[in-house]
Amino acid sequence: MLRLLVTPRWIGWTLFALAAVVVCGLMAWWQVVRAESPGGSLLNAGYAFQWPLFGLFFAALWWRMLRAEAKALAEVRAAEAPADRALRPVRAAAADSPFGPRPAGVREGGLDAGTDPGPGRAQYNAMLAELAARGRTPEKETDPS
């Protein structure tokens, strides 16, 4: 939260809140002096009671805004943290592998590891194996030239 307070935006909000509290305190003092004067009334005494409450309102508003923004920043950091952890390598890749280390949570064999590929995928894989055995690829198969 301290790191948040030294940003230019929060320095401005803090100065504004402090100025508002000081002004409210000065207005309360002015109303007290006015209530004690010969021309003063009970209304001035009531205002002398209200001005400090207005100052407390400014202070409470500043505090709530600060806590809300700090909470929002903490939630953003917490949301980013699991993504960072998911990308940390669990173990190094094989020496002959063209890929880097496997991230945490990724199973060996890809996304469908341990699932039944189904007859359509098996046929497709068989066709790819046959084309590879003949030295052809699906791109060359559909290429008219």
N, C-alpha and C. Protein backbone atom coordinates (compact mmCIF):
# COMPACT_ATOMS: atom_id res chain seq x y z
N MET A 1 0.82 -1.19 0.00
CA MET A 1 0.00 0.00 0.00
C MET A 1 0.87 1.26 0.00
N LEU A 2 2.03 1.18 0.63
CA LEU A 2 2.92 2.34 0.65
C LEU A 2 3.43 2.68 -0.74
N ARG A 3 3.67 1.65 -1.55
CA ARG A 3 4.14 1.87 -2.92
C ARG A 3 3.07 2.60 -3.73
N LEU A 4 1.81 2.31 -3.42
CA LEU A 4 0.70 2.97 -4.10
C LEU A 4 0.61 4.44 -3.71
N LEU A 5 0.91 4.75 -2.46
CA LEU A 5 0.79 6.13 -1.97
C LEU A 5 1.79 7.09 -2.59
N VAL A 6 2.90 6.60 -3.11
CA VAL A 6 3.91 7.50 -3.66
C VAL A 6 3.74 7.72 -5.16
N THR A 7 2.64 7.22 -5.73
CA THR A 7 2.37 7.51 -7.13
C THR A 7 1.83 8.95 -7.23
N PRO A 8 2.05 9.62 -8.36
CA PRO A 8 1.59 11.01 -8.48
C PRO A 8 0.08 11.15 -8.26
N ARG A 9 -0.68 10.19 -8.71
CA ARG A 9 -2.13 10.25 -8.54
C ARG A 9 -2.51 10.26 -7.06
N TRP A 10 -1.89 9.37 -6.30
CA TRP A 10 -2.25 9.27 -4.88
C TRP A 10 -1.63 10.38 -4.04
N ILE A 11 -0.54 10.94 -4.48
CA ILE A 11 -0.02 12.13 -3.80
C ILE A 11 -1.04 13.26 -3.95
N GLY A 12 -1.61 13.40 -5.15
CA GLY A 12 -2.63 14.43 -5.38
C GLY A 12 -3.87 14.18 -4.54
N TRP A 13 -4.35 12.93 -4.50
CA TRP A 13 -5.53 12.62 -3.69
C TRP A 13 -5.27 12.88 -2.20
N THR A 14 -4.07 12.55 -1.75
CA THR A 14 -3.74 12.75 -0.34
C THR A 14 -3.70 14.23 0.00
N LEU A 15 -3.09 15.03 -0.87
CA LEU A 15 -3.04 16.47 -0.63
C LEU A 15 -4.44 17.07 -0.66
N PHE A 16 -5.27 16.61 -1.58
CA PHE A 16 -6.65 17.10 -1.64
C PHE A 16 -7.41 16.75 -0.37
N ALA A 17 -7.28 15.50 0.10
CA ALA A 17 -7.99 15.09 1.32
C ALA A 17 -7.49 15.87 2.53
N LEU A 18 -6.18 16.06 2.64
CA LEU A 18 -5.64 16.84 3.76
C LEU A 18 -6.14 18.28 3.72
N ALA A 19 -6.16 18.87 2.53
CA ALA A 19 -6.65 20.25 2.41
C ALA A 19 -8.13 20.32 2.80
N ALA A 20 -8.91 19.33 2.39
CA ALA A 20 -10.34 19.33 2.72
C ALA A 20 -10.54 19.19 4.23
N VAL A 21 -9.76 18.34 4.88
CA VAL A 21 -9.88 18.17 6.33
C VAL A 21 -9.49 19.46 7.05
N VAL A 22 -8.42 20.10 6.60
CA VAL A 22 -7.98 21.36 7.22
C VAL A 22 -9.04 22.45 7.03
N VAL A 23 -9.58 22.55 5.83
CA VAL A 23 -10.62 23.57 5.57
C VAL A 23 -11.84 23.31 6.45
N CYS A 24 -12.24 22.04 6.56
CA CYS A 24 -13.39 21.72 7.42
C CYS A 24 -13.10 22.07 8.88
N GLY A 25 -11.88 21.83 9.33
CA GLY A 25 -11.51 22.20 10.70
C GLY A 25 -11.54 23.70 10.91
N LEU A 26 -11.03 24.44 9.93
CA LEU A 26 -11.06 25.90 10.03
C LEU A 26 -12.50 26.43 10.00
N MET A 27 -13.34 25.82 9.19
CA MET A 27 -14.74 26.24 9.15
C MET A 27 -15.43 25.94 10.48
N ALA A 28 -15.09 24.81 11.10
CA ALA A 28 -15.66 24.49 12.41
C ALA A 28 -15.22 25.52 13.44
N TRP A 29 -13.94 25.88 13.42
CA TRP A 29 -13.44 26.88 14.36
C TRP A 29 -14.13 28.22 14.14
N TRP A 30 -14.31 28.60 12.88
CA TRP A 30 -14.99 29.86 12.56
C TRP A 30 -16.43 29.85 13.09
N GLN A 31 -17.11 28.70 12.97
CA GLN A 31 -18.49 28.61 13.47
C GLN A 31 -18.54 28.66 15.01
N VAL A 32 -17.53 28.09 15.66
CA VAL A 32 -17.48 28.17 17.12
C VAL A 32 -17.31 29.63 17.55
N VAL A 33 -16.38 30.34 16.92
CA VAL A 33 -16.16 31.75 17.24
C VAL A 33 -17.42 32.55 16.94
N ARG A 34 -18.07 32.25 15.83
CA ARG A 34 -19.30 32.95 15.44
C ARG A 34 -20.42 32.67 16.45
N ALA A 35 -20.53 31.40 16.92
CA ALA A 35 -21.58 31.06 17.89
C ALA A 35 -21.36 31.77 19.21
N GLU A 36 -20.11 32.02 19.60
CA GLU A 36 -19.81 32.69 20.87
C GLU A 36 -19.93 34.20 20.78
N SER A 37 -20.00 34.71 19.56
CA SER A 37 -20.10 36.16 19.40
C SER A 37 -21.52 36.63 19.76
N PRO A 38 -21.68 37.95 19.99
CA PRO A 38 -23.02 38.45 20.34
C PRO A 38 -24.06 38.18 19.25
N GLY A 39 -23.67 38.13 18.00
CA GLY A 39 -24.64 37.88 16.93
C GLY A 39 -24.80 36.41 16.62
N GLY A 40 -24.12 35.53 17.36
CA GLY A 40 -24.18 34.10 17.08
C GLY A 40 -25.47 33.46 17.55
N SER A 41 -25.70 32.28 17.05
CA SER A 41 -26.94 31.59 17.42
C SER A 41 -26.67 30.10 17.59
N LEU A 42 -27.72 29.39 17.91
CA LEU A 42 -27.63 27.94 18.05
C LEU A 42 -27.34 27.28 16.70
N LEU A 43 -27.76 27.94 15.63
CA LEU A 43 -27.48 27.43 14.28
C LEU A 43 -25.97 27.38 14.04
N ASN A 44 -25.25 28.42 14.48
CA ASN A 44 -23.79 28.41 14.34
C ASN A 44 -23.15 27.29 15.15
N ALA A 45 -23.69 27.02 16.32
CA ALA A 45 -23.17 25.91 17.14
C ALA A 45 -23.41 24.58 16.43
N GLY A 46 -24.54 24.44 15.77
CA GLY A 46 -24.82 23.21 15.01
C GLY A 46 -23.84 23.05 13.85
N TYR A 47 -23.56 24.16 13.15
CA TYR A 47 -22.58 24.10 12.07
C TYR A 47 -21.19 23.77 12.61
N ALA A 48 -20.88 24.28 13.78
CA ALA A 48 -19.58 23.97 14.39
C ALA A 48 -19.45 22.48 14.66
N PHE A 49 -20.57 21.81 14.91
CA PHE A 49 -20.57 20.37 15.10
C PHE A 49 -20.51 19.62 13.76
N GLN A 50 -21.13 20.18 12.72
CA GLN A 50 -21.20 19.50 11.43
C GLN A 50 -19.88 19.54 10.65
N TRP A 51 -19.16 20.64 10.70
CA TRP A 51 -17.94 20.77 9.90
C TRP A 51 -16.90 19.68 10.21
N PRO A 52 -16.66 19.32 11.46
CA PRO A 52 -15.72 18.22 11.71
C PRO A 52 -16.22 16.89 11.11
N LEU A 53 -17.54 16.69 11.09
CA LEU A 53 -18.08 15.47 10.47
C LEU A 53 -17.79 15.46 8.97
N PHE A 54 -17.88 16.63 8.33
CA PHE A 54 -17.53 16.71 6.92
C PHE A 54 -16.05 16.36 6.71
N GLY A 55 -15.20 16.86 7.62
CA GLY A 55 -13.77 16.53 7.54
C GLY A 55 -13.53 15.04 7.70
N LEU A 56 -14.24 14.41 8.63
CA LEU A 56 -14.12 12.95 8.80
C LEU A 56 -14.60 12.22 7.55
N PHE A 57 -15.63 12.77 6.90
CA PHE A 57 -16.10 12.16 5.66
C PHE A 57 -15.00 12.15 4.61
N PHE A 58 -14.30 13.27 4.44
CA PHE A 58 -13.21 13.32 3.46
C PHE A 58 -12.11 12.32 3.81
N ALA A 59 -11.77 12.22 5.07
CA ALA A 59 -10.73 11.27 5.49
C ALA A 59 -11.18 9.83 5.25
N ALA A 60 -12.43 9.53 5.58
CA ALA A 60 -12.93 8.16 5.37
C ALA A 60 -13.01 7.84 3.89
N LEU A 61 -13.41 8.80 3.07
CA LEU A 61 -13.48 8.57 1.62
C LEU A 61 -12.09 8.29 1.06
N TRP A 62 -11.10 9.06 1.49
CA TRP A 62 -9.72 8.83 1.04
C TRP A 62 -9.26 7.42 1.42
N TRP A 63 -9.54 7.02 2.66
CA TRP A 63 -9.12 5.71 3.15
C TRP A 63 -9.80 4.58 2.35
N ARG A 64 -11.09 4.71 2.10
CA ARG A 64 -11.82 3.67 1.36
C ARG A 64 -11.32 3.58 -0.09
N MET A 65 -11.05 4.72 -0.72
CA MET A 65 -10.53 4.71 -2.08
C MET A 65 -9.17 4.03 -2.13
N LEU A 66 -8.33 4.33 -1.16
CA LEU A 66 -7.00 3.73 -1.10
C LEU A 66 -7.10 2.21 -0.93
N ARG A 67 -7.93 1.77 -0.01
CA ARG A 67 -8.09 0.32 0.23
C ARG A 67 -8.68 -0.38 -0.98
N ALA A 68 -9.65 0.24 -1.66
CA ALA A 68 -10.25 -0.36 -2.84
C ALA A 68 -9.23 -0.53 -3.95
N GLU A 69 -8.40 0.48 -4.17
CA GLU A 69 -7.40 0.37 -5.23
C GLU A 69 -6.31 -0.65 -4.86
N ALA A 70 -5.92 -0.68 -3.60
CA ALA A 70 -4.92 -1.67 -3.17
C ALA A 70 -5.48 -3.08 -3.32
N LYS A 71 -6.75 -3.28 -3.00
CA LYS A 71 -7.37 -4.60 -3.16
C LYS A 71 -7.44 -4.99 -4.63
N ALA A 72 -7.79 -4.04 -5.49
CA ALA A 72 -7.86 -4.34 -6.93
C ALA A 72 -6.48 -4.71 -7.47
N LEU A 73 -5.44 -4.00 -7.03
CA LEU A 73 -4.08 -4.34 -7.47
C LEU A 73 -3.65 -5.71 -6.96
N ALA A 74 -4.04 -6.04 -5.74
CA ALA A 74 -3.71 -7.36 -5.19
C ALA A 74 -4.40 -8.46 -5.98
N GLU A 75 -5.65 -8.23 -6.39
CA GLU A 75 -6.37 -9.22 -7.18
C GLU A 75 -5.73 -9.41 -8.55
N VAL A 76 -5.27 -8.32 -9.15
CA VAL A 76 -4.60 -8.42 -10.45
C VAL A 76 -3.31 -9.21 -10.31
N ARG A 77 -2.55 -8.92 -9.26
CA ARG A 77 -1.30 -9.66 -9.04
C ARG A 77 -1.56 -11.13 -8.76
N ALA A 78 -2.62 -11.42 -8.01
CA ALA A 78 -2.96 -12.81 -7.72
C ALA A 78 -3.40 -13.54 -8.97
N ALA A 79 -4.10 -12.85 -9.87
CA ALA A 79 -4.54 -13.47 -11.12
C ALA A 79 -3.35 -13.74 -12.04
N GLU A 80 -2.34 -12.89 -12.00
CA GLU A 80 -1.16 -13.08 -12.83
C GLU A 80 -0.23 -14.14 -12.27
N ALA A 81 -0.23 -14.35 -10.98
CA ALA A 81 0.71 -15.27 -10.35
C ALA A 81 0.54 -16.71 -10.81
N PRO A 82 -0.68 -17.29 -10.89
CA PRO A 82 -0.78 -18.67 -11.36
C PRO A 82 -0.30 -18.85 -12.79
N ALA A 83 -0.48 -17.84 -13.64
CA ALA A 83 0.00 -17.95 -15.01
C ALA A 83 1.52 -18.05 -15.02
N ASP A 84 2.18 -17.32 -14.14
CA ASP A 84 3.63 -17.41 -14.05
C ASP A 84 4.06 -18.79 -13.57
N ARG A 85 3.32 -19.32 -12.58
CA ARG A 85 3.67 -20.64 -12.06
C ARG A 85 3.43 -21.72 -13.10
N ALA A 86 2.42 -21.58 -13.94
CA ALA A 86 2.11 -22.60 -14.93
C ALA A 86 3.17 -22.67 -16.01
N LEU A 87 3.96 -21.63 -16.19
CA LEU A 87 4.97 -21.63 -17.23
C LEU A 87 6.34 -22.06 -16.73
N ARG A 88 6.46 -22.32 -15.46
CA ARG A 88 7.75 -22.78 -14.95
C ARG A 88 7.98 -24.21 -15.39
N PRO A 89 9.18 -24.53 -15.83
CA PRO A 89 9.44 -25.89 -16.31
C PRO A 89 9.43 -26.90 -15.17
N VAL A 90 8.87 -28.07 -15.47
CA VAL A 90 8.86 -29.16 -14.50
C VAL A 90 10.14 -29.97 -14.66
N ARG A 91 10.48 -30.26 -15.89
CA ARG A 91 11.72 -31.00 -16.15
C ARG A 91 12.25 -30.59 -17.51
N ALA A 92 13.49 -30.84 -17.73
CA ALA A 92 14.11 -30.47 -18.99
C ALA A 92 13.62 -31.38 -20.11
N ALA A 93 13.63 -30.85 -21.32
CA ALA A 93 13.22 -31.63 -22.49
C ALA A 93 14.33 -32.62 -22.83
N ALA A 94 13.95 -33.62 -23.60
CA ALA A 94 14.95 -34.60 -24.05
C ALA A 94 16.00 -33.90 -24.90
N ALA A 95 17.19 -34.48 -24.94
CA ALA A 95 18.30 -33.85 -25.65
C ALA A 95 18.01 -33.71 -27.14
N ASP A 96 17.28 -34.66 -27.73
CA ASP A 96 17.00 -34.60 -29.16
C ASP A 96 15.70 -33.86 -29.48
N SER A 97 15.08 -33.30 -28.50
CA SER A 97 13.81 -32.61 -28.69
C SER A 97 14.03 -31.20 -29.23
N PRO A 98 13.23 -30.77 -30.22
CA PRO A 98 13.37 -29.39 -30.71
C PRO A 98 12.67 -28.39 -29.80
N PHE A 99 11.97 -28.88 -28.79
CA PHE A 99 11.20 -28.01 -27.91
C PHE A 99 11.94 -27.75 -26.61
N GLY A 100 11.52 -26.71 -25.92
CA GLY A 100 12.11 -26.37 -24.64
C GLY A 100 11.52 -27.22 -23.53
N PRO A 101 11.76 -26.85 -22.30
CA PRO A 101 11.22 -27.60 -21.17
C PRO A 101 9.69 -27.57 -21.16
N ARG A 102 9.10 -28.61 -20.65
CA ARG A 102 7.64 -28.71 -20.58
C ARG A 102 7.14 -27.87 -19.40
N PRO A 103 6.15 -26.99 -19.65
CA PRO A 103 5.59 -26.19 -18.54
C PRO A 103 4.85 -27.06 -17.54
N ALA A 104 4.69 -26.54 -16.34
CA ALA A 104 3.97 -27.27 -15.30
C ALA A 104 2.53 -27.48 -15.74
N GLY A 105 1.99 -28.65 -15.46
CA GLY A 105 0.61 -28.95 -15.78
C GLY A 105 0.38 -29.52 -17.16
N VAL A 106 1.41 -29.58 -18.01
CA VAL A 106 1.26 -30.14 -19.35
C VAL A 106 1.71 -31.59 -19.31
N ARG A 107 0.79 -32.46 -19.72
CA ARG A 107 1.10 -33.90 -19.71
C ARG A 107 1.89 -34.30 -20.94
N GLU A 108 2.61 -35.36 -20.82
CA GLU A 108 3.34 -35.90 -21.95
C GLU A 108 2.34 -36.47 -22.94
N GLY A 109 2.51 -36.18 -24.20
CA GLY A 109 1.61 -36.69 -25.22
C GLY A 109 0.63 -35.65 -25.71
N GLY A 110 0.65 -34.47 -25.19
CA GLY A 110 -0.23 -33.41 -25.69
C GLY A 110 -1.51 -33.27 -24.91
N LEU A 111 -2.44 -32.52 -25.51
CA LEU A 111 -3.69 -32.22 -24.83
C LEU A 111 -4.59 -33.43 -24.66
N ASP A 112 -4.53 -34.35 -25.61
CA ASP A 112 -5.42 -35.50 -25.56
C ASP A 112 -4.73 -36.76 -25.05
N ALA A 113 -3.69 -36.61 -24.27
CA ALA A 113 -2.98 -37.77 -23.74
C ALA A 113 -3.90 -38.57 -22.84
N GLY A 114 -3.93 -39.84 -23.06
CA GLY A 114 -4.73 -40.72 -22.22
C GLY A 114 -6.19 -40.79 -22.64
N THR A 115 -6.57 -40.14 -23.74
CA THR A 115 -7.95 -40.22 -24.21
C THR A 115 -8.01 -41.04 -25.49
N ASP A 116 -9.16 -41.60 -25.76
CA ASP A 116 -9.36 -42.39 -26.98
C ASP A 116 -9.48 -41.43 -28.16
N PRO A 117 -8.61 -41.55 -29.17
CA PRO A 117 -8.65 -40.60 -30.28
C PRO A 117 -9.89 -40.75 -31.16
N GLY A 118 -10.54 -41.88 -31.16
CA GLY A 118 -11.72 -42.08 -31.99
C GLY A 118 -11.35 -42.57 -33.38
N PRO A 119 -12.32 -43.13 -34.11
CA PRO A 119 -12.03 -43.72 -35.41
C PRO A 119 -11.63 -42.68 -36.46
N GLY A 120 -12.17 -41.49 -36.41
CA GLY A 120 -11.83 -40.48 -37.41
C GLY A 120 -10.37 -40.07 -37.32
N ARG A 121 -9.89 -39.89 -36.13
CA ARG A 121 -8.50 -39.49 -35.96
C ARG A 121 -7.56 -40.64 -36.31
N ALA A 122 -7.96 -41.85 -35.97
CA ALA A 122 -7.13 -43.00 -36.31
C ALA A 122 -6.99 -43.14 -37.83
N GLN A 123 -8.09 -42.93 -38.57
CA GLN A 123 -8.02 -42.99 -40.04
C GLN A 123 -7.13 -41.87 -40.59
N TYR A 124 -7.28 -40.71 -40.04
CA TYR A 124 -6.47 -39.57 -40.50
C TYR A 124 -4.99 -39.83 -40.23
N ASN A 125 -4.68 -40.33 -39.04
CA ASN A 125 -3.28 -40.63 -38.72
C ASN A 125 -2.74 -41.72 -39.63
N ALA A 126 -3.56 -42.73 -39.97
CA ALA A 126 -3.12 -43.78 -40.89
C ALA A 126 -2.83 -43.20 -42.26
N MET A 127 -3.69 -42.27 -42.73
CA MET A 127 -3.47 -41.64 -44.03
C MET A 127 -2.17 -40.83 -44.01
N LEU A 128 -1.91 -40.09 -42.93
CA LEU A 128 -0.68 -39.33 -42.83
C LEU A 128 0.54 -40.24 -42.82
N ALA A 129 0.44 -41.37 -42.12
CA ALA A 129 1.56 -42.32 -42.08
C ALA A 129 1.82 -42.89 -43.46
N GLU A 130 0.76 -43.18 -44.22
CA GLU A 130 0.93 -43.72 -45.58
C GLU A 130 1.57 -42.69 -46.49
N LEU A 131 1.12 -41.44 -46.40
CA LEU A 131 1.71 -40.37 -47.22
C LEU A 131 3.17 -40.14 -46.85
N ALA A 132 3.48 -40.19 -45.56
CA ALA A 132 4.86 -40.00 -45.12
C ALA A 132 5.74 -41.14 -45.64
N ALA A 133 5.18 -42.35 -45.67
CA ALA A 133 5.96 -43.49 -46.16
C ALA A 133 6.26 -43.32 -47.65
N ARG A 134 5.36 -42.69 -48.39
CA ARG A 134 5.57 -42.48 -49.83
C ARG A 134 6.35 -41.19 -50.08
N GLY A 135 6.64 -40.41 -49.01
CA GLY A 135 7.40 -39.17 -49.16
C GLY A 135 6.54 -38.00 -49.61
N ARG A 136 5.26 -38.08 -49.36
CA ARG A 136 4.35 -37.02 -49.77
C ARG A 136 3.69 -36.42 -48.53
N THR A 137 3.24 -35.18 -48.65
CA THR A 137 2.52 -34.51 -47.56
C THR A 137 1.15 -34.11 -48.07
N PRO A 138 0.19 -33.83 -47.20
CA PRO A 138 -1.13 -33.39 -47.66
C PRO A 138 -1.06 -32.13 -48.51
N GLU A 139 -0.11 -31.23 -48.27
CA GLU A 139 0.02 -30.03 -49.08
C GLU A 139 0.40 -30.39 -50.51
N LYS A 140 1.35 -31.34 -50.69
CA LYS A 140 1.75 -31.76 -52.02
C LYS A 140 0.63 -32.54 -52.71
N GLU A 141 -0.19 -33.23 -51.93
CA GLU A 141 -1.27 -34.02 -52.48
C GLU A 141 -2.33 -33.14 -53.12
N THR A 142 -2.61 -31.97 -52.53
CA THR A 142 -3.65 -31.08 -53.07
C THR A 142 -3.07 -30.02 -54.01
N ASP A 143 -1.74 -29.91 -54.11
CA ASP A 143 -1.11 -28.92 -54.96
C ASP A 143 -1.26 -29.34 -56.43
N PRO A 144 -1.92 -28.52 -57.30
CA PRO A 144 -2.15 -28.93 -58.68
C PRO A 144 -0.88 -28.91 -59.53
N SER A 145 0.19 -28.29 -59.15
CA SER A 145 1.38 -28.21 -60.00
C SER A 145 2.29 -29.37 -59.87
